[in-house]
Amino acid sequence: MLDTWLTMKGAGDRFAGARARSARIRRVFTSQYFYRIFQSKTRLTTLRGSGTFWEVITDRDIKIILSKLRYKDWNFCLLFDAGRPYLQLSWDAPCAETGFVANQHSRKWMLSFYMTPSEVVQTAFKACLTAEEHEVRENFFYKDTPVFGPHIDVEALIEISHRKDVRS
């Protein structure tokens, strides 16, 4: 894949705080056509080919998609880490250790400006499933111990990993 740089007039900010006036062009060979994909806030059209167009999703597009999602009373937050977008869920729930209601956060789910809207929605769905699994692991007890807890130190798991429970 060949990378080139092209100066574009009016190209907006791509990353938080960056004042980039250039956009990256990627030439992608698809069947018999070359397409140039502009990584900017502009919509994309093929320079050669069938006349169809490809789009690069923007942070505004992602926010619109996330605003249409609903799961319980949870929030779907679009945040950035070094200019790269990620999704993080937040909700109010009792802490598994103290029992006091506090704001909970999921892990970070990295997104891409090359994702389709369906991929963003599917990533949000997976984030909900994983957060719920985390809650189940915190609240599932055997002999008053959360044996499948998500906060068990991996080094402690290594120490007991040789102990097997198998039928003889």
N, C-alpha and C. Protein backbone atom coordinates (compact mmCIF):
# COMPACT_ATOMS: atom_id res chain seq x y z
N MET A 1 0.84 -1.16 0.00
CA MET A 1 0.00 0.00 0.00
C MET A 1 0.89 1.24 0.00
N LEU A 2 0.58 2.18 -0.85
CA LEU A 2 1.37 3.39 -0.96
C LEU A 2 0.74 4.52 -0.17
N ASP A 3 1.55 5.23 0.57
CA ASP A 3 1.06 6.38 1.31
C ASP A 3 1.65 7.65 0.72
N THR A 4 0.83 8.66 0.58
CA THR A 4 1.26 9.94 0.06
C THR A 4 0.64 11.02 0.93
N TRP A 5 1.14 12.21 0.84
CA TRP A 5 0.53 13.32 1.55
C TRP A 5 0.04 14.35 0.56
N LEU A 6 -1.14 14.87 0.79
CA LEU A 6 -1.75 15.84 -0.09
C LEU A 6 -2.23 17.01 0.75
N THR A 7 -1.93 18.21 0.32
CA THR A 7 -2.43 19.36 1.02
C THR A 7 -3.82 19.67 0.51
N MET A 8 -4.76 19.81 1.44
CA MET A 8 -6.14 20.09 1.07
C MET A 8 -6.56 21.40 1.69
N LYS A 9 -7.16 22.26 0.91
CA LYS A 9 -7.69 23.50 1.44
C LYS A 9 -8.94 23.19 2.26
N GLY A 10 -9.00 23.78 3.43
CA GLY A 10 -10.20 23.66 4.24
C GLY A 10 -10.36 22.34 4.98
N ALA A 11 -9.35 21.48 4.96
CA ALA A 11 -9.48 20.23 5.73
C ALA A 11 -9.55 20.58 7.20
N GLY A 12 -10.55 20.09 7.88
CA GLY A 12 -10.77 20.44 9.29
C GLY A 12 -9.88 19.66 10.23
N ASP A 13 -10.10 19.86 11.49
CA ASP A 13 -9.34 19.15 12.52
C ASP A 13 -9.71 17.68 12.51
N ARG A 14 -8.76 16.81 12.47
CA ARG A 14 -9.01 15.37 12.51
C ARG A 14 -8.84 14.87 13.94
N PHE A 15 -7.84 15.34 14.62
CA PHE A 15 -7.58 14.88 15.96
C PHE A 15 -7.73 16.03 16.94
N ALA A 16 -8.05 15.70 18.17
CA ALA A 16 -8.33 16.70 19.19
C ALA A 16 -7.20 17.72 19.27
N GLY A 17 -7.51 18.98 19.01
CA GLY A 17 -6.56 20.06 19.14
C GLY A 17 -5.59 20.23 17.98
N ALA A 18 -5.55 19.30 17.08
CA ALA A 18 -4.59 19.38 15.98
C ALA A 18 -5.16 20.26 14.88
N ARG A 19 -4.34 21.11 14.33
CA ARG A 19 -4.75 21.97 13.22
C ARG A 19 -4.08 21.46 11.95
N ALA A 20 -4.54 20.33 11.50
CA ALA A 20 -3.92 19.70 10.33
C ALA A 20 -4.57 20.24 9.07
N ARG A 21 -3.77 20.68 8.14
CA ARG A 21 -4.27 21.14 6.85
C ARG A 21 -3.94 20.14 5.76
N SER A 22 -3.39 19.01 6.13
CA SER A 22 -3.10 17.99 5.12
C SER A 22 -3.87 16.73 5.45
N ALA A 23 -4.15 15.96 4.45
CA ALA A 23 -4.88 14.72 4.64
C ALA A 23 -4.08 13.58 4.04
N ARG A 24 -4.16 12.46 4.70
CA ARG A 24 -3.43 11.29 4.23
C ARG A 24 -4.21 10.62 3.11
N ILE A 25 -3.51 10.22 2.10
CA ILE A 25 -4.14 9.51 1.00
C ILE A 25 -3.63 8.09 1.00
N ARG A 26 -4.53 7.19 0.88
CA ARG A 26 -4.15 5.79 0.78
C ARG A 26 -4.68 5.27 -0.54
N ARG A 27 -3.82 4.68 -1.31
CA ARG A 27 -4.27 4.07 -2.55
C ARG A 27 -4.56 2.61 -2.28
N VAL A 28 -5.75 2.21 -2.56
CA VAL A 28 -6.16 0.85 -2.30
C VAL A 28 -6.56 0.22 -3.63
N PHE A 29 -5.98 -0.91 -3.92
CA PHE A 29 -6.34 -1.61 -5.15
C PHE A 29 -7.51 -2.54 -4.85
N THR A 30 -8.65 -2.27 -5.44
CA THR A 30 -9.83 -3.09 -5.26
C THR A 30 -10.30 -3.52 -6.63
N SER A 31 -10.39 -4.81 -6.86
CA SER A 31 -10.64 -5.41 -8.16
C SER A 31 -9.77 -4.72 -9.19
N GLN A 32 -10.34 -4.01 -10.15
CA GLN A 32 -9.51 -3.39 -11.18
C GLN A 32 -9.37 -1.89 -10.99
N TYR A 33 -9.83 -1.38 -9.88
CA TYR A 33 -9.82 0.06 -9.69
C TYR A 33 -8.89 0.48 -8.55
N PHE A 34 -8.29 1.65 -8.71
CA PHE A 34 -7.55 2.26 -7.61
C PHE A 34 -8.46 3.31 -6.99
N TYR A 35 -8.52 3.33 -5.69
CA TYR A 35 -9.28 4.36 -5.00
C TYR A 35 -8.33 5.15 -4.13
N ARG A 36 -8.58 6.41 -4.03
CA ARG A 36 -7.84 7.23 -3.07
C ARG A 36 -8.78 7.53 -1.93
N ILE A 37 -8.35 7.23 -0.75
CA ILE A 37 -9.18 7.48 0.42
C ILE A 37 -8.58 8.66 1.17
N PHE A 38 -9.35 9.72 1.32
CA PHE A 38 -8.89 10.90 2.03
C PHE A 38 -9.31 10.79 3.49
N GLN A 39 -8.35 10.87 4.38
CA GLN A 39 -8.67 10.84 5.80
C GLN A 39 -8.87 12.28 6.26
N SER A 40 -10.07 12.75 6.06
CA SER A 40 -10.41 14.11 6.45
C SER A 40 -11.88 14.15 6.81
N LYS A 41 -12.40 15.30 7.10
CA LYS A 41 -13.81 15.40 7.46
C LYS A 41 -14.68 15.55 6.22
N THR A 42 -14.11 15.39 5.05
CA THR A 42 -14.90 15.49 3.83
C THR A 42 -15.36 14.11 3.41
N ARG A 43 -16.47 14.06 2.70
CA ARG A 43 -16.96 12.80 2.18
C ARG A 43 -16.08 12.37 1.02
N LEU A 44 -15.99 11.08 0.79
CA LEU A 44 -15.06 10.54 -0.19
C LEU A 44 -15.77 10.12 -1.46
N THR A 45 -15.13 10.32 -2.56
CA THR A 45 -15.63 9.79 -3.82
C THR A 45 -14.47 9.12 -4.53
N THR A 46 -14.77 8.18 -5.38
CA THR A 46 -13.70 7.51 -6.12
C THR A 46 -13.13 8.46 -7.15
N LEU A 47 -11.83 8.36 -7.36
CA LEU A 47 -11.20 9.16 -8.40
C LEU A 47 -11.20 8.40 -9.72
N ARG A 48 -11.24 7.09 -9.64
CA ARG A 48 -11.41 6.22 -10.80
C ARG A 48 -12.29 5.07 -10.38
N GLY A 49 -13.07 4.55 -11.25
CA GLY A 49 -13.81 3.35 -10.89
C GLY A 49 -15.27 3.40 -11.22
N SER A 50 -16.04 2.72 -10.42
CA SER A 50 -17.44 2.46 -10.74
C SER A 50 -18.37 3.62 -10.44
N GLY A 51 -17.89 4.68 -9.83
CA GLY A 51 -18.76 5.79 -9.50
C GLY A 51 -19.37 5.68 -8.11
N THR A 52 -19.10 4.61 -7.41
CA THR A 52 -19.57 4.50 -6.03
C THR A 52 -18.66 5.34 -5.14
N PHE A 53 -19.06 5.56 -3.89
CA PHE A 53 -18.18 6.34 -3.01
C PHE A 53 -18.01 5.65 -1.67
N TRP A 54 -16.89 5.92 -1.05
CA TRP A 54 -16.57 5.42 0.28
C TRP A 54 -16.57 6.61 1.22
N GLU A 55 -16.94 6.37 2.46
CA GLU A 55 -16.94 7.45 3.43
C GLU A 55 -16.01 7.14 4.59
N VAL A 56 -15.42 8.17 5.11
CA VAL A 56 -14.65 8.07 6.34
C VAL A 56 -15.55 8.63 7.43
N ILE A 57 -15.73 7.88 8.49
CA ILE A 57 -16.60 8.32 9.58
C ILE A 57 -15.87 9.37 10.41
N THR A 58 -16.59 10.37 10.87
CA THR A 58 -15.98 11.43 11.67
C THR A 58 -16.39 11.27 13.13
N ASP A 59 -15.74 12.03 14.00
CA ASP A 59 -16.12 11.97 15.41
C ASP A 59 -17.56 12.43 15.59
N ARG A 60 -18.01 13.38 14.79
CA ARG A 60 -19.41 13.83 14.85
C ARG A 60 -20.35 12.69 14.46
N ASP A 61 -19.99 11.95 13.40
CA ASP A 61 -20.80 10.80 12.99
C ASP A 61 -20.89 9.76 14.11
N ILE A 62 -19.77 9.49 14.76
CA ILE A 62 -19.75 8.50 15.84
C ILE A 62 -20.64 8.97 16.99
N LYS A 63 -20.56 10.27 17.32
CA LYS A 63 -21.40 10.81 18.40
C LYS A 63 -22.89 10.66 18.07
N ILE A 64 -23.24 10.89 16.81
CA ILE A 64 -24.64 10.74 16.39
C ILE A 64 -25.09 9.29 16.54
N ILE A 65 -24.24 8.36 16.11
CA ILE A 65 -24.57 6.94 16.23
C ILE A 65 -24.74 6.57 17.70
N LEU A 66 -23.80 6.99 18.55
CA LEU A 66 -23.86 6.65 19.97
C LEU A 66 -25.08 7.28 20.65
N SER A 67 -25.50 8.45 20.17
CA SER A 67 -26.67 9.10 20.78
C SER A 67 -27.96 8.34 20.50
N LYS A 68 -27.94 7.49 19.49
CA LYS A 68 -29.14 6.70 19.14
C LYS A 68 -29.19 5.36 19.87
N LEU A 69 -28.14 5.04 20.62
CA LEU A 69 -28.10 3.78 21.35
C LEU A 69 -28.74 3.95 22.72
N ARG A 70 -29.33 2.86 23.23
CA ARG A 70 -29.90 2.89 24.56
C ARG A 70 -29.74 1.52 25.20
N TYR A 71 -29.19 1.49 26.39
CA TYR A 71 -29.11 0.28 27.19
C TYR A 71 -29.20 0.68 28.65
N LYS A 72 -30.25 0.20 29.31
CA LYS A 72 -30.53 0.57 30.70
C LYS A 72 -30.43 2.08 30.83
N ASP A 73 -29.73 2.56 31.85
CA ASP A 73 -29.49 4.01 31.99
C ASP A 73 -28.01 4.32 31.80
N TRP A 74 -27.36 3.54 30.97
CA TRP A 74 -25.92 3.67 30.76
C TRP A 74 -25.62 4.75 29.73
N ASN A 75 -24.45 5.34 29.85
CA ASN A 75 -23.99 6.37 28.91
C ASN A 75 -22.93 5.79 27.99
N PHE A 76 -23.03 6.12 26.71
CA PHE A 76 -22.04 5.72 25.71
C PHE A 76 -21.18 6.95 25.43
N CYS A 77 -19.94 6.92 25.92
CA CYS A 77 -19.06 8.09 25.85
C CYS A 77 -18.00 7.92 24.77
N LEU A 78 -17.88 8.92 23.91
CA LEU A 78 -16.81 8.95 22.92
C LEU A 78 -15.69 9.80 23.49
N LEU A 79 -14.52 9.18 23.66
CA LEU A 79 -13.35 9.87 24.20
C LEU A 79 -12.18 9.66 23.25
N PHE A 80 -11.09 10.35 23.50
CA PHE A 80 -9.93 10.26 22.62
C PHE A 80 -8.66 10.01 23.42
N ASP A 81 -7.79 9.17 22.88
CA ASP A 81 -6.49 8.89 23.47
C ASP A 81 -5.45 9.13 22.38
N ALA A 82 -4.72 10.19 22.51
CA ALA A 82 -3.71 10.58 21.50
C ALA A 82 -4.35 10.69 20.12
N GLY A 83 -5.56 11.24 20.06
CA GLY A 83 -6.23 11.44 18.79
C GLY A 83 -7.02 10.26 18.28
N ARG A 84 -6.87 9.12 18.93
CA ARG A 84 -7.60 7.93 18.49
C ARG A 84 -8.89 7.80 19.30
N PRO A 85 -10.02 7.62 18.62
CA PRO A 85 -11.29 7.56 19.34
C PRO A 85 -11.49 6.22 20.05
N TYR A 86 -12.14 6.28 21.19
CA TYR A 86 -12.54 5.05 21.86
C TYR A 86 -13.88 5.26 22.55
N LEU A 87 -14.57 4.15 22.75
CA LEU A 87 -15.86 4.13 23.42
C LEU A 87 -15.65 3.65 24.84
N GLN A 88 -16.31 4.30 25.78
CA GLN A 88 -16.29 3.85 27.16
C GLN A 88 -17.69 4.04 27.74
N LEU A 89 -18.20 3.01 28.38
CA LEU A 89 -19.52 3.08 29.01
C LEU A 89 -19.38 3.62 30.42
N SER A 90 -20.41 4.31 30.88
CA SER A 90 -20.45 4.74 32.28
C SER A 90 -21.89 4.62 32.78
N TRP A 91 -22.02 4.28 34.05
CA TRP A 91 -23.33 4.12 34.66
C TRP A 91 -23.17 4.17 36.17
N ASP A 92 -24.26 4.44 36.86
CA ASP A 92 -24.26 4.44 38.32
C ASP A 92 -24.75 3.09 38.81
N ALA A 93 -23.98 2.48 39.70
CA ALA A 93 -24.33 1.18 40.26
C ALA A 93 -23.59 1.01 41.59
N PRO A 94 -24.10 0.12 42.43
CA PRO A 94 -23.40 -0.14 43.70
C PRO A 94 -22.02 -0.76 43.45
N CYS A 95 -21.04 -0.31 44.21
CA CYS A 95 -19.70 -0.88 44.16
C CYS A 95 -19.76 -2.29 44.73
N ALA A 96 -19.10 -3.24 44.07
CA ALA A 96 -19.11 -4.63 44.52
C ALA A 96 -18.43 -4.82 45.88
N GLU A 97 -17.51 -3.94 46.22
CA GLU A 97 -16.79 -4.08 47.50
C GLU A 97 -17.45 -3.32 48.64
N THR A 98 -17.85 -2.06 48.37
CA THR A 98 -18.38 -1.21 49.43
C THR A 98 -19.90 -1.20 49.50
N GLY A 99 -20.56 -1.44 48.37
CA GLY A 99 -22.02 -1.39 48.32
C GLY A 99 -22.57 0.00 48.08
N PHE A 100 -21.72 1.02 48.11
CA PHE A 100 -22.17 2.39 47.87
C PHE A 100 -22.34 2.62 46.37
N VAL A 101 -23.37 3.34 46.00
CA VAL A 101 -23.60 3.66 44.59
C VAL A 101 -22.53 4.63 44.13
N ALA A 102 -21.89 4.28 43.04
CA ALA A 102 -20.82 5.11 42.48
C ALA A 102 -20.87 5.01 40.96
N ASN A 103 -20.20 5.95 40.31
CA ASN A 103 -20.13 5.93 38.86
C ASN A 103 -19.16 4.83 38.42
N GLN A 104 -19.62 3.92 37.60
CA GLN A 104 -18.81 2.81 37.10
C GLN A 104 -18.42 3.09 35.65
N HIS A 105 -17.27 2.57 35.25
CA HIS A 105 -16.79 2.74 33.88
C HIS A 105 -16.37 1.39 33.32
N SER A 106 -16.63 1.20 32.03
CA SER A 106 -16.17 -0.01 31.36
C SER A 106 -14.73 0.16 30.91
N ARG A 107 -14.20 -0.87 30.31
CA ARG A 107 -12.88 -0.76 29.69
C ARG A 107 -12.99 0.14 28.46
N LYS A 108 -11.87 0.47 27.86
CA LYS A 108 -11.86 1.29 26.65
C LYS A 108 -12.00 0.39 25.42
N TRP A 109 -12.88 0.78 24.53
CA TRP A 109 -13.10 0.05 23.27
C TRP A 109 -12.63 0.95 22.13
N MET A 110 -11.48 0.61 21.56
CA MET A 110 -10.90 1.43 20.51
C MET A 110 -11.77 1.41 19.26
N LEU A 111 -11.93 2.58 18.65
CA LEU A 111 -12.69 2.74 17.42
C LEU A 111 -11.75 3.21 16.33
N SER A 112 -12.25 3.24 15.11
CA SER A 112 -11.46 3.71 13.98
C SER A 112 -12.34 4.61 13.12
N PHE A 113 -11.71 5.57 12.46
CA PHE A 113 -12.45 6.43 11.55
C PHE A 113 -12.81 5.69 10.26
N TYR A 114 -12.34 4.48 10.12
CA TYR A 114 -12.67 3.66 8.95
C TYR A 114 -13.76 2.65 9.24
N MET A 115 -14.35 2.70 10.44
CA MET A 115 -15.43 1.79 10.79
C MET A 115 -16.72 2.20 10.08
N THR A 116 -17.56 1.21 9.83
CA THR A 116 -18.90 1.51 9.33
C THR A 116 -19.80 1.78 10.53
N PRO A 117 -20.95 2.41 10.32
CA PRO A 117 -21.87 2.61 11.44
C PRO A 117 -22.26 1.29 12.11
N SER A 118 -22.42 0.23 11.34
CA SER A 118 -22.76 -1.08 11.91
C SER A 118 -21.66 -1.57 12.84
N GLU A 119 -20.42 -1.35 12.48
CA GLU A 119 -19.30 -1.78 13.32
C GLU A 119 -19.26 -0.99 14.63
N VAL A 120 -19.61 0.29 14.58
CA VAL A 120 -19.66 1.09 15.80
C VAL A 120 -20.75 0.56 16.73
N VAL A 121 -21.93 0.27 16.16
CA VAL A 121 -23.04 -0.26 16.94
C VAL A 121 -22.68 -1.63 17.52
N GLN A 122 -22.06 -2.48 16.72
CA GLN A 122 -21.67 -3.81 17.21
C GLN A 122 -20.62 -3.71 18.30
N THR A 123 -19.71 -2.76 18.20
CA THR A 123 -18.70 -2.56 19.24
C THR A 123 -19.37 -2.10 20.54
N ALA A 124 -20.36 -1.22 20.42
CA ALA A 124 -21.09 -0.78 21.61
C ALA A 124 -21.86 -1.94 22.24
N PHE A 125 -22.43 -2.80 21.41
CA PHE A 125 -23.14 -3.97 21.91
C PHE A 125 -22.18 -4.89 22.67
N LYS A 126 -21.02 -5.14 22.09
CA LYS A 126 -20.01 -5.99 22.74
C LYS A 126 -19.53 -5.35 24.05
N ALA A 127 -19.43 -4.03 24.07
CA ALA A 127 -19.04 -3.33 25.29
C ALA A 127 -20.07 -3.59 26.40
N CYS A 128 -21.36 -3.55 26.05
CA CYS A 128 -22.41 -3.83 27.04
C CYS A 128 -22.33 -5.26 27.54
N LEU A 129 -22.17 -6.21 26.62
CA LEU A 129 -22.06 -7.61 27.01
C LEU A 129 -20.88 -7.84 27.95
N THR A 130 -19.74 -7.27 27.63
CA THR A 130 -18.54 -7.46 28.43
C THR A 130 -18.68 -6.79 29.80
N ALA A 131 -19.30 -5.61 29.84
CA ALA A 131 -19.51 -4.94 31.12
C ALA A 131 -20.46 -5.74 32.01
N GLU A 132 -21.49 -6.31 31.41
CA GLU A 132 -22.42 -7.14 32.18
C GLU A 132 -21.72 -8.40 32.69
N GLU A 133 -20.88 -9.01 31.85
CA GLU A 133 -20.13 -10.18 32.29
C GLU A 133 -19.23 -9.81 33.48
N HIS A 134 -18.63 -8.64 33.42
CA HIS A 134 -17.79 -8.15 34.51
C HIS A 134 -18.61 -8.07 35.81
N GLU A 135 -19.82 -7.53 35.70
CA GLU A 135 -20.69 -7.42 36.88
C GLU A 135 -21.07 -8.80 37.41
N VAL A 136 -21.36 -9.74 36.51
CA VAL A 136 -21.70 -11.10 36.94
C VAL A 136 -20.52 -11.72 37.67
N ARG A 137 -19.32 -11.56 37.13
CA ARG A 137 -18.13 -12.12 37.76
C ARG A 137 -17.91 -11.52 39.16
N GLU A 138 -18.23 -10.25 39.33
CA GLU A 138 -18.07 -9.61 40.65
C GLU A 138 -19.12 -10.10 41.65
N ASN A 139 -20.28 -10.49 41.16
CA ASN A 139 -21.39 -10.82 42.04
C ASN A 139 -21.73 -12.30 42.11
N PHE A 140 -20.92 -13.15 41.49
CA PHE A 140 -21.13 -14.59 41.54
C PHE A 140 -20.21 -15.16 42.62
N PHE A 141 -20.80 -15.77 43.66
CA PHE A 141 -20.03 -16.24 44.81
C PHE A 141 -20.16 -17.75 44.98
N TYR A 142 -19.07 -18.37 45.40
CA TYR A 142 -19.04 -19.75 45.83
C TYR A 142 -18.33 -19.76 47.18
N LYS A 143 -19.00 -20.26 48.20
CA LYS A 143 -18.47 -20.23 49.57
C LYS A 143 -18.08 -18.81 49.99
N ASP A 144 -18.97 -17.88 49.68
CA ASP A 144 -18.79 -16.46 50.02
C ASP A 144 -17.54 -15.84 49.40
N THR A 145 -17.10 -16.36 48.28
CA THR A 145 -15.92 -15.82 47.58
C THR A 145 -16.25 -15.66 46.09
N PRO A 146 -15.93 -14.50 45.51
CA PRO A 146 -16.17 -14.33 44.07
C PRO A 146 -15.08 -15.08 43.27
N VAL A 147 -15.30 -16.38 43.09
CA VAL A 147 -14.27 -17.26 42.53
C VAL A 147 -13.92 -16.94 41.08
N PHE A 148 -14.82 -16.30 40.35
CA PHE A 148 -14.53 -15.92 38.96
C PHE A 148 -14.38 -14.41 38.83
N GLY A 149 -14.04 -13.75 39.93
CA GLY A 149 -13.93 -12.29 39.95
C GLY A 149 -12.99 -11.73 38.90
N PRO A 150 -13.36 -10.59 38.32
CA PRO A 150 -12.54 -9.99 37.26
C PRO A 150 -11.29 -9.28 37.78
N HIS A 151 -11.18 -9.13 39.09
CA HIS A 151 -10.05 -8.38 39.64
C HIS A 151 -9.00 -9.27 40.30
N ILE A 152 -9.05 -10.56 40.02
CA ILE A 152 -8.06 -11.48 40.58
C ILE A 152 -6.73 -11.27 39.84
N ASP A 153 -5.67 -11.15 40.60
CA ASP A 153 -4.34 -10.90 40.03
C ASP A 153 -3.92 -12.07 39.13
N VAL A 154 -3.47 -11.77 37.94
CA VAL A 154 -3.07 -12.81 36.99
C VAL A 154 -1.91 -13.64 37.51
N GLU A 155 -1.01 -13.05 38.29
CA GLU A 155 0.11 -13.79 38.87
C GLU A 155 -0.40 -14.84 39.87
N ALA A 156 -1.46 -14.50 40.62
CA ALA A 156 -2.05 -15.46 41.55
C ALA A 156 -2.71 -16.61 40.78
N LEU A 157 -3.29 -16.31 39.63
CA LEU A 157 -3.89 -17.36 38.80
C LEU A 157 -2.82 -18.30 38.26
N ILE A 158 -1.67 -17.75 37.91
CA ILE A 158 -0.56 -18.59 37.43
C ILE A 158 -0.12 -19.56 38.53
N GLU A 159 -0.05 -19.07 39.75
CA GLU A 159 0.39 -19.92 40.86
C GLU A 159 -0.51 -21.12 41.09
N ILE A 160 -1.80 -20.98 40.85
CA ILE A 160 -2.72 -22.10 41.09
C ILE A 160 -3.13 -22.82 39.79
N SER A 161 -2.61 -22.40 38.67
CA SER A 161 -3.03 -22.95 37.38
C SER A 161 -2.70 -24.44 37.23
N HIS A 162 -1.73 -24.95 37.98
CA HIS A 162 -1.35 -26.37 37.89
C HIS A 162 -2.38 -27.27 38.58
N ARG A 163 -3.21 -26.70 39.44
CA ARG A 163 -4.21 -27.49 40.15
C ARG A 163 -5.41 -27.73 39.23
N LYS A 164 -5.61 -28.97 38.83
CA LYS A 164 -6.66 -29.33 37.89
C LYS A 164 -7.80 -30.05 38.61
N ASP A 165 -9.00 -29.85 38.12
CA ASP A 165 -10.19 -30.53 38.63
C ASP A 165 -10.75 -31.34 37.48
N VAL A 166 -10.36 -32.62 37.41
CA VAL A 166 -10.81 -33.47 36.31
C VAL A 166 -11.39 -34.77 36.88
N ARG A 167 -12.24 -35.37 36.11
CA ARG A 167 -12.79 -36.68 36.50
C ARG A 167 -11.76 -37.74 36.26
N SER A 168 -11.71 -38.73 37.15
CA SER A 168 -10.74 -39.80 36.96
C SER A 168 -11.37 -41.04 36.35
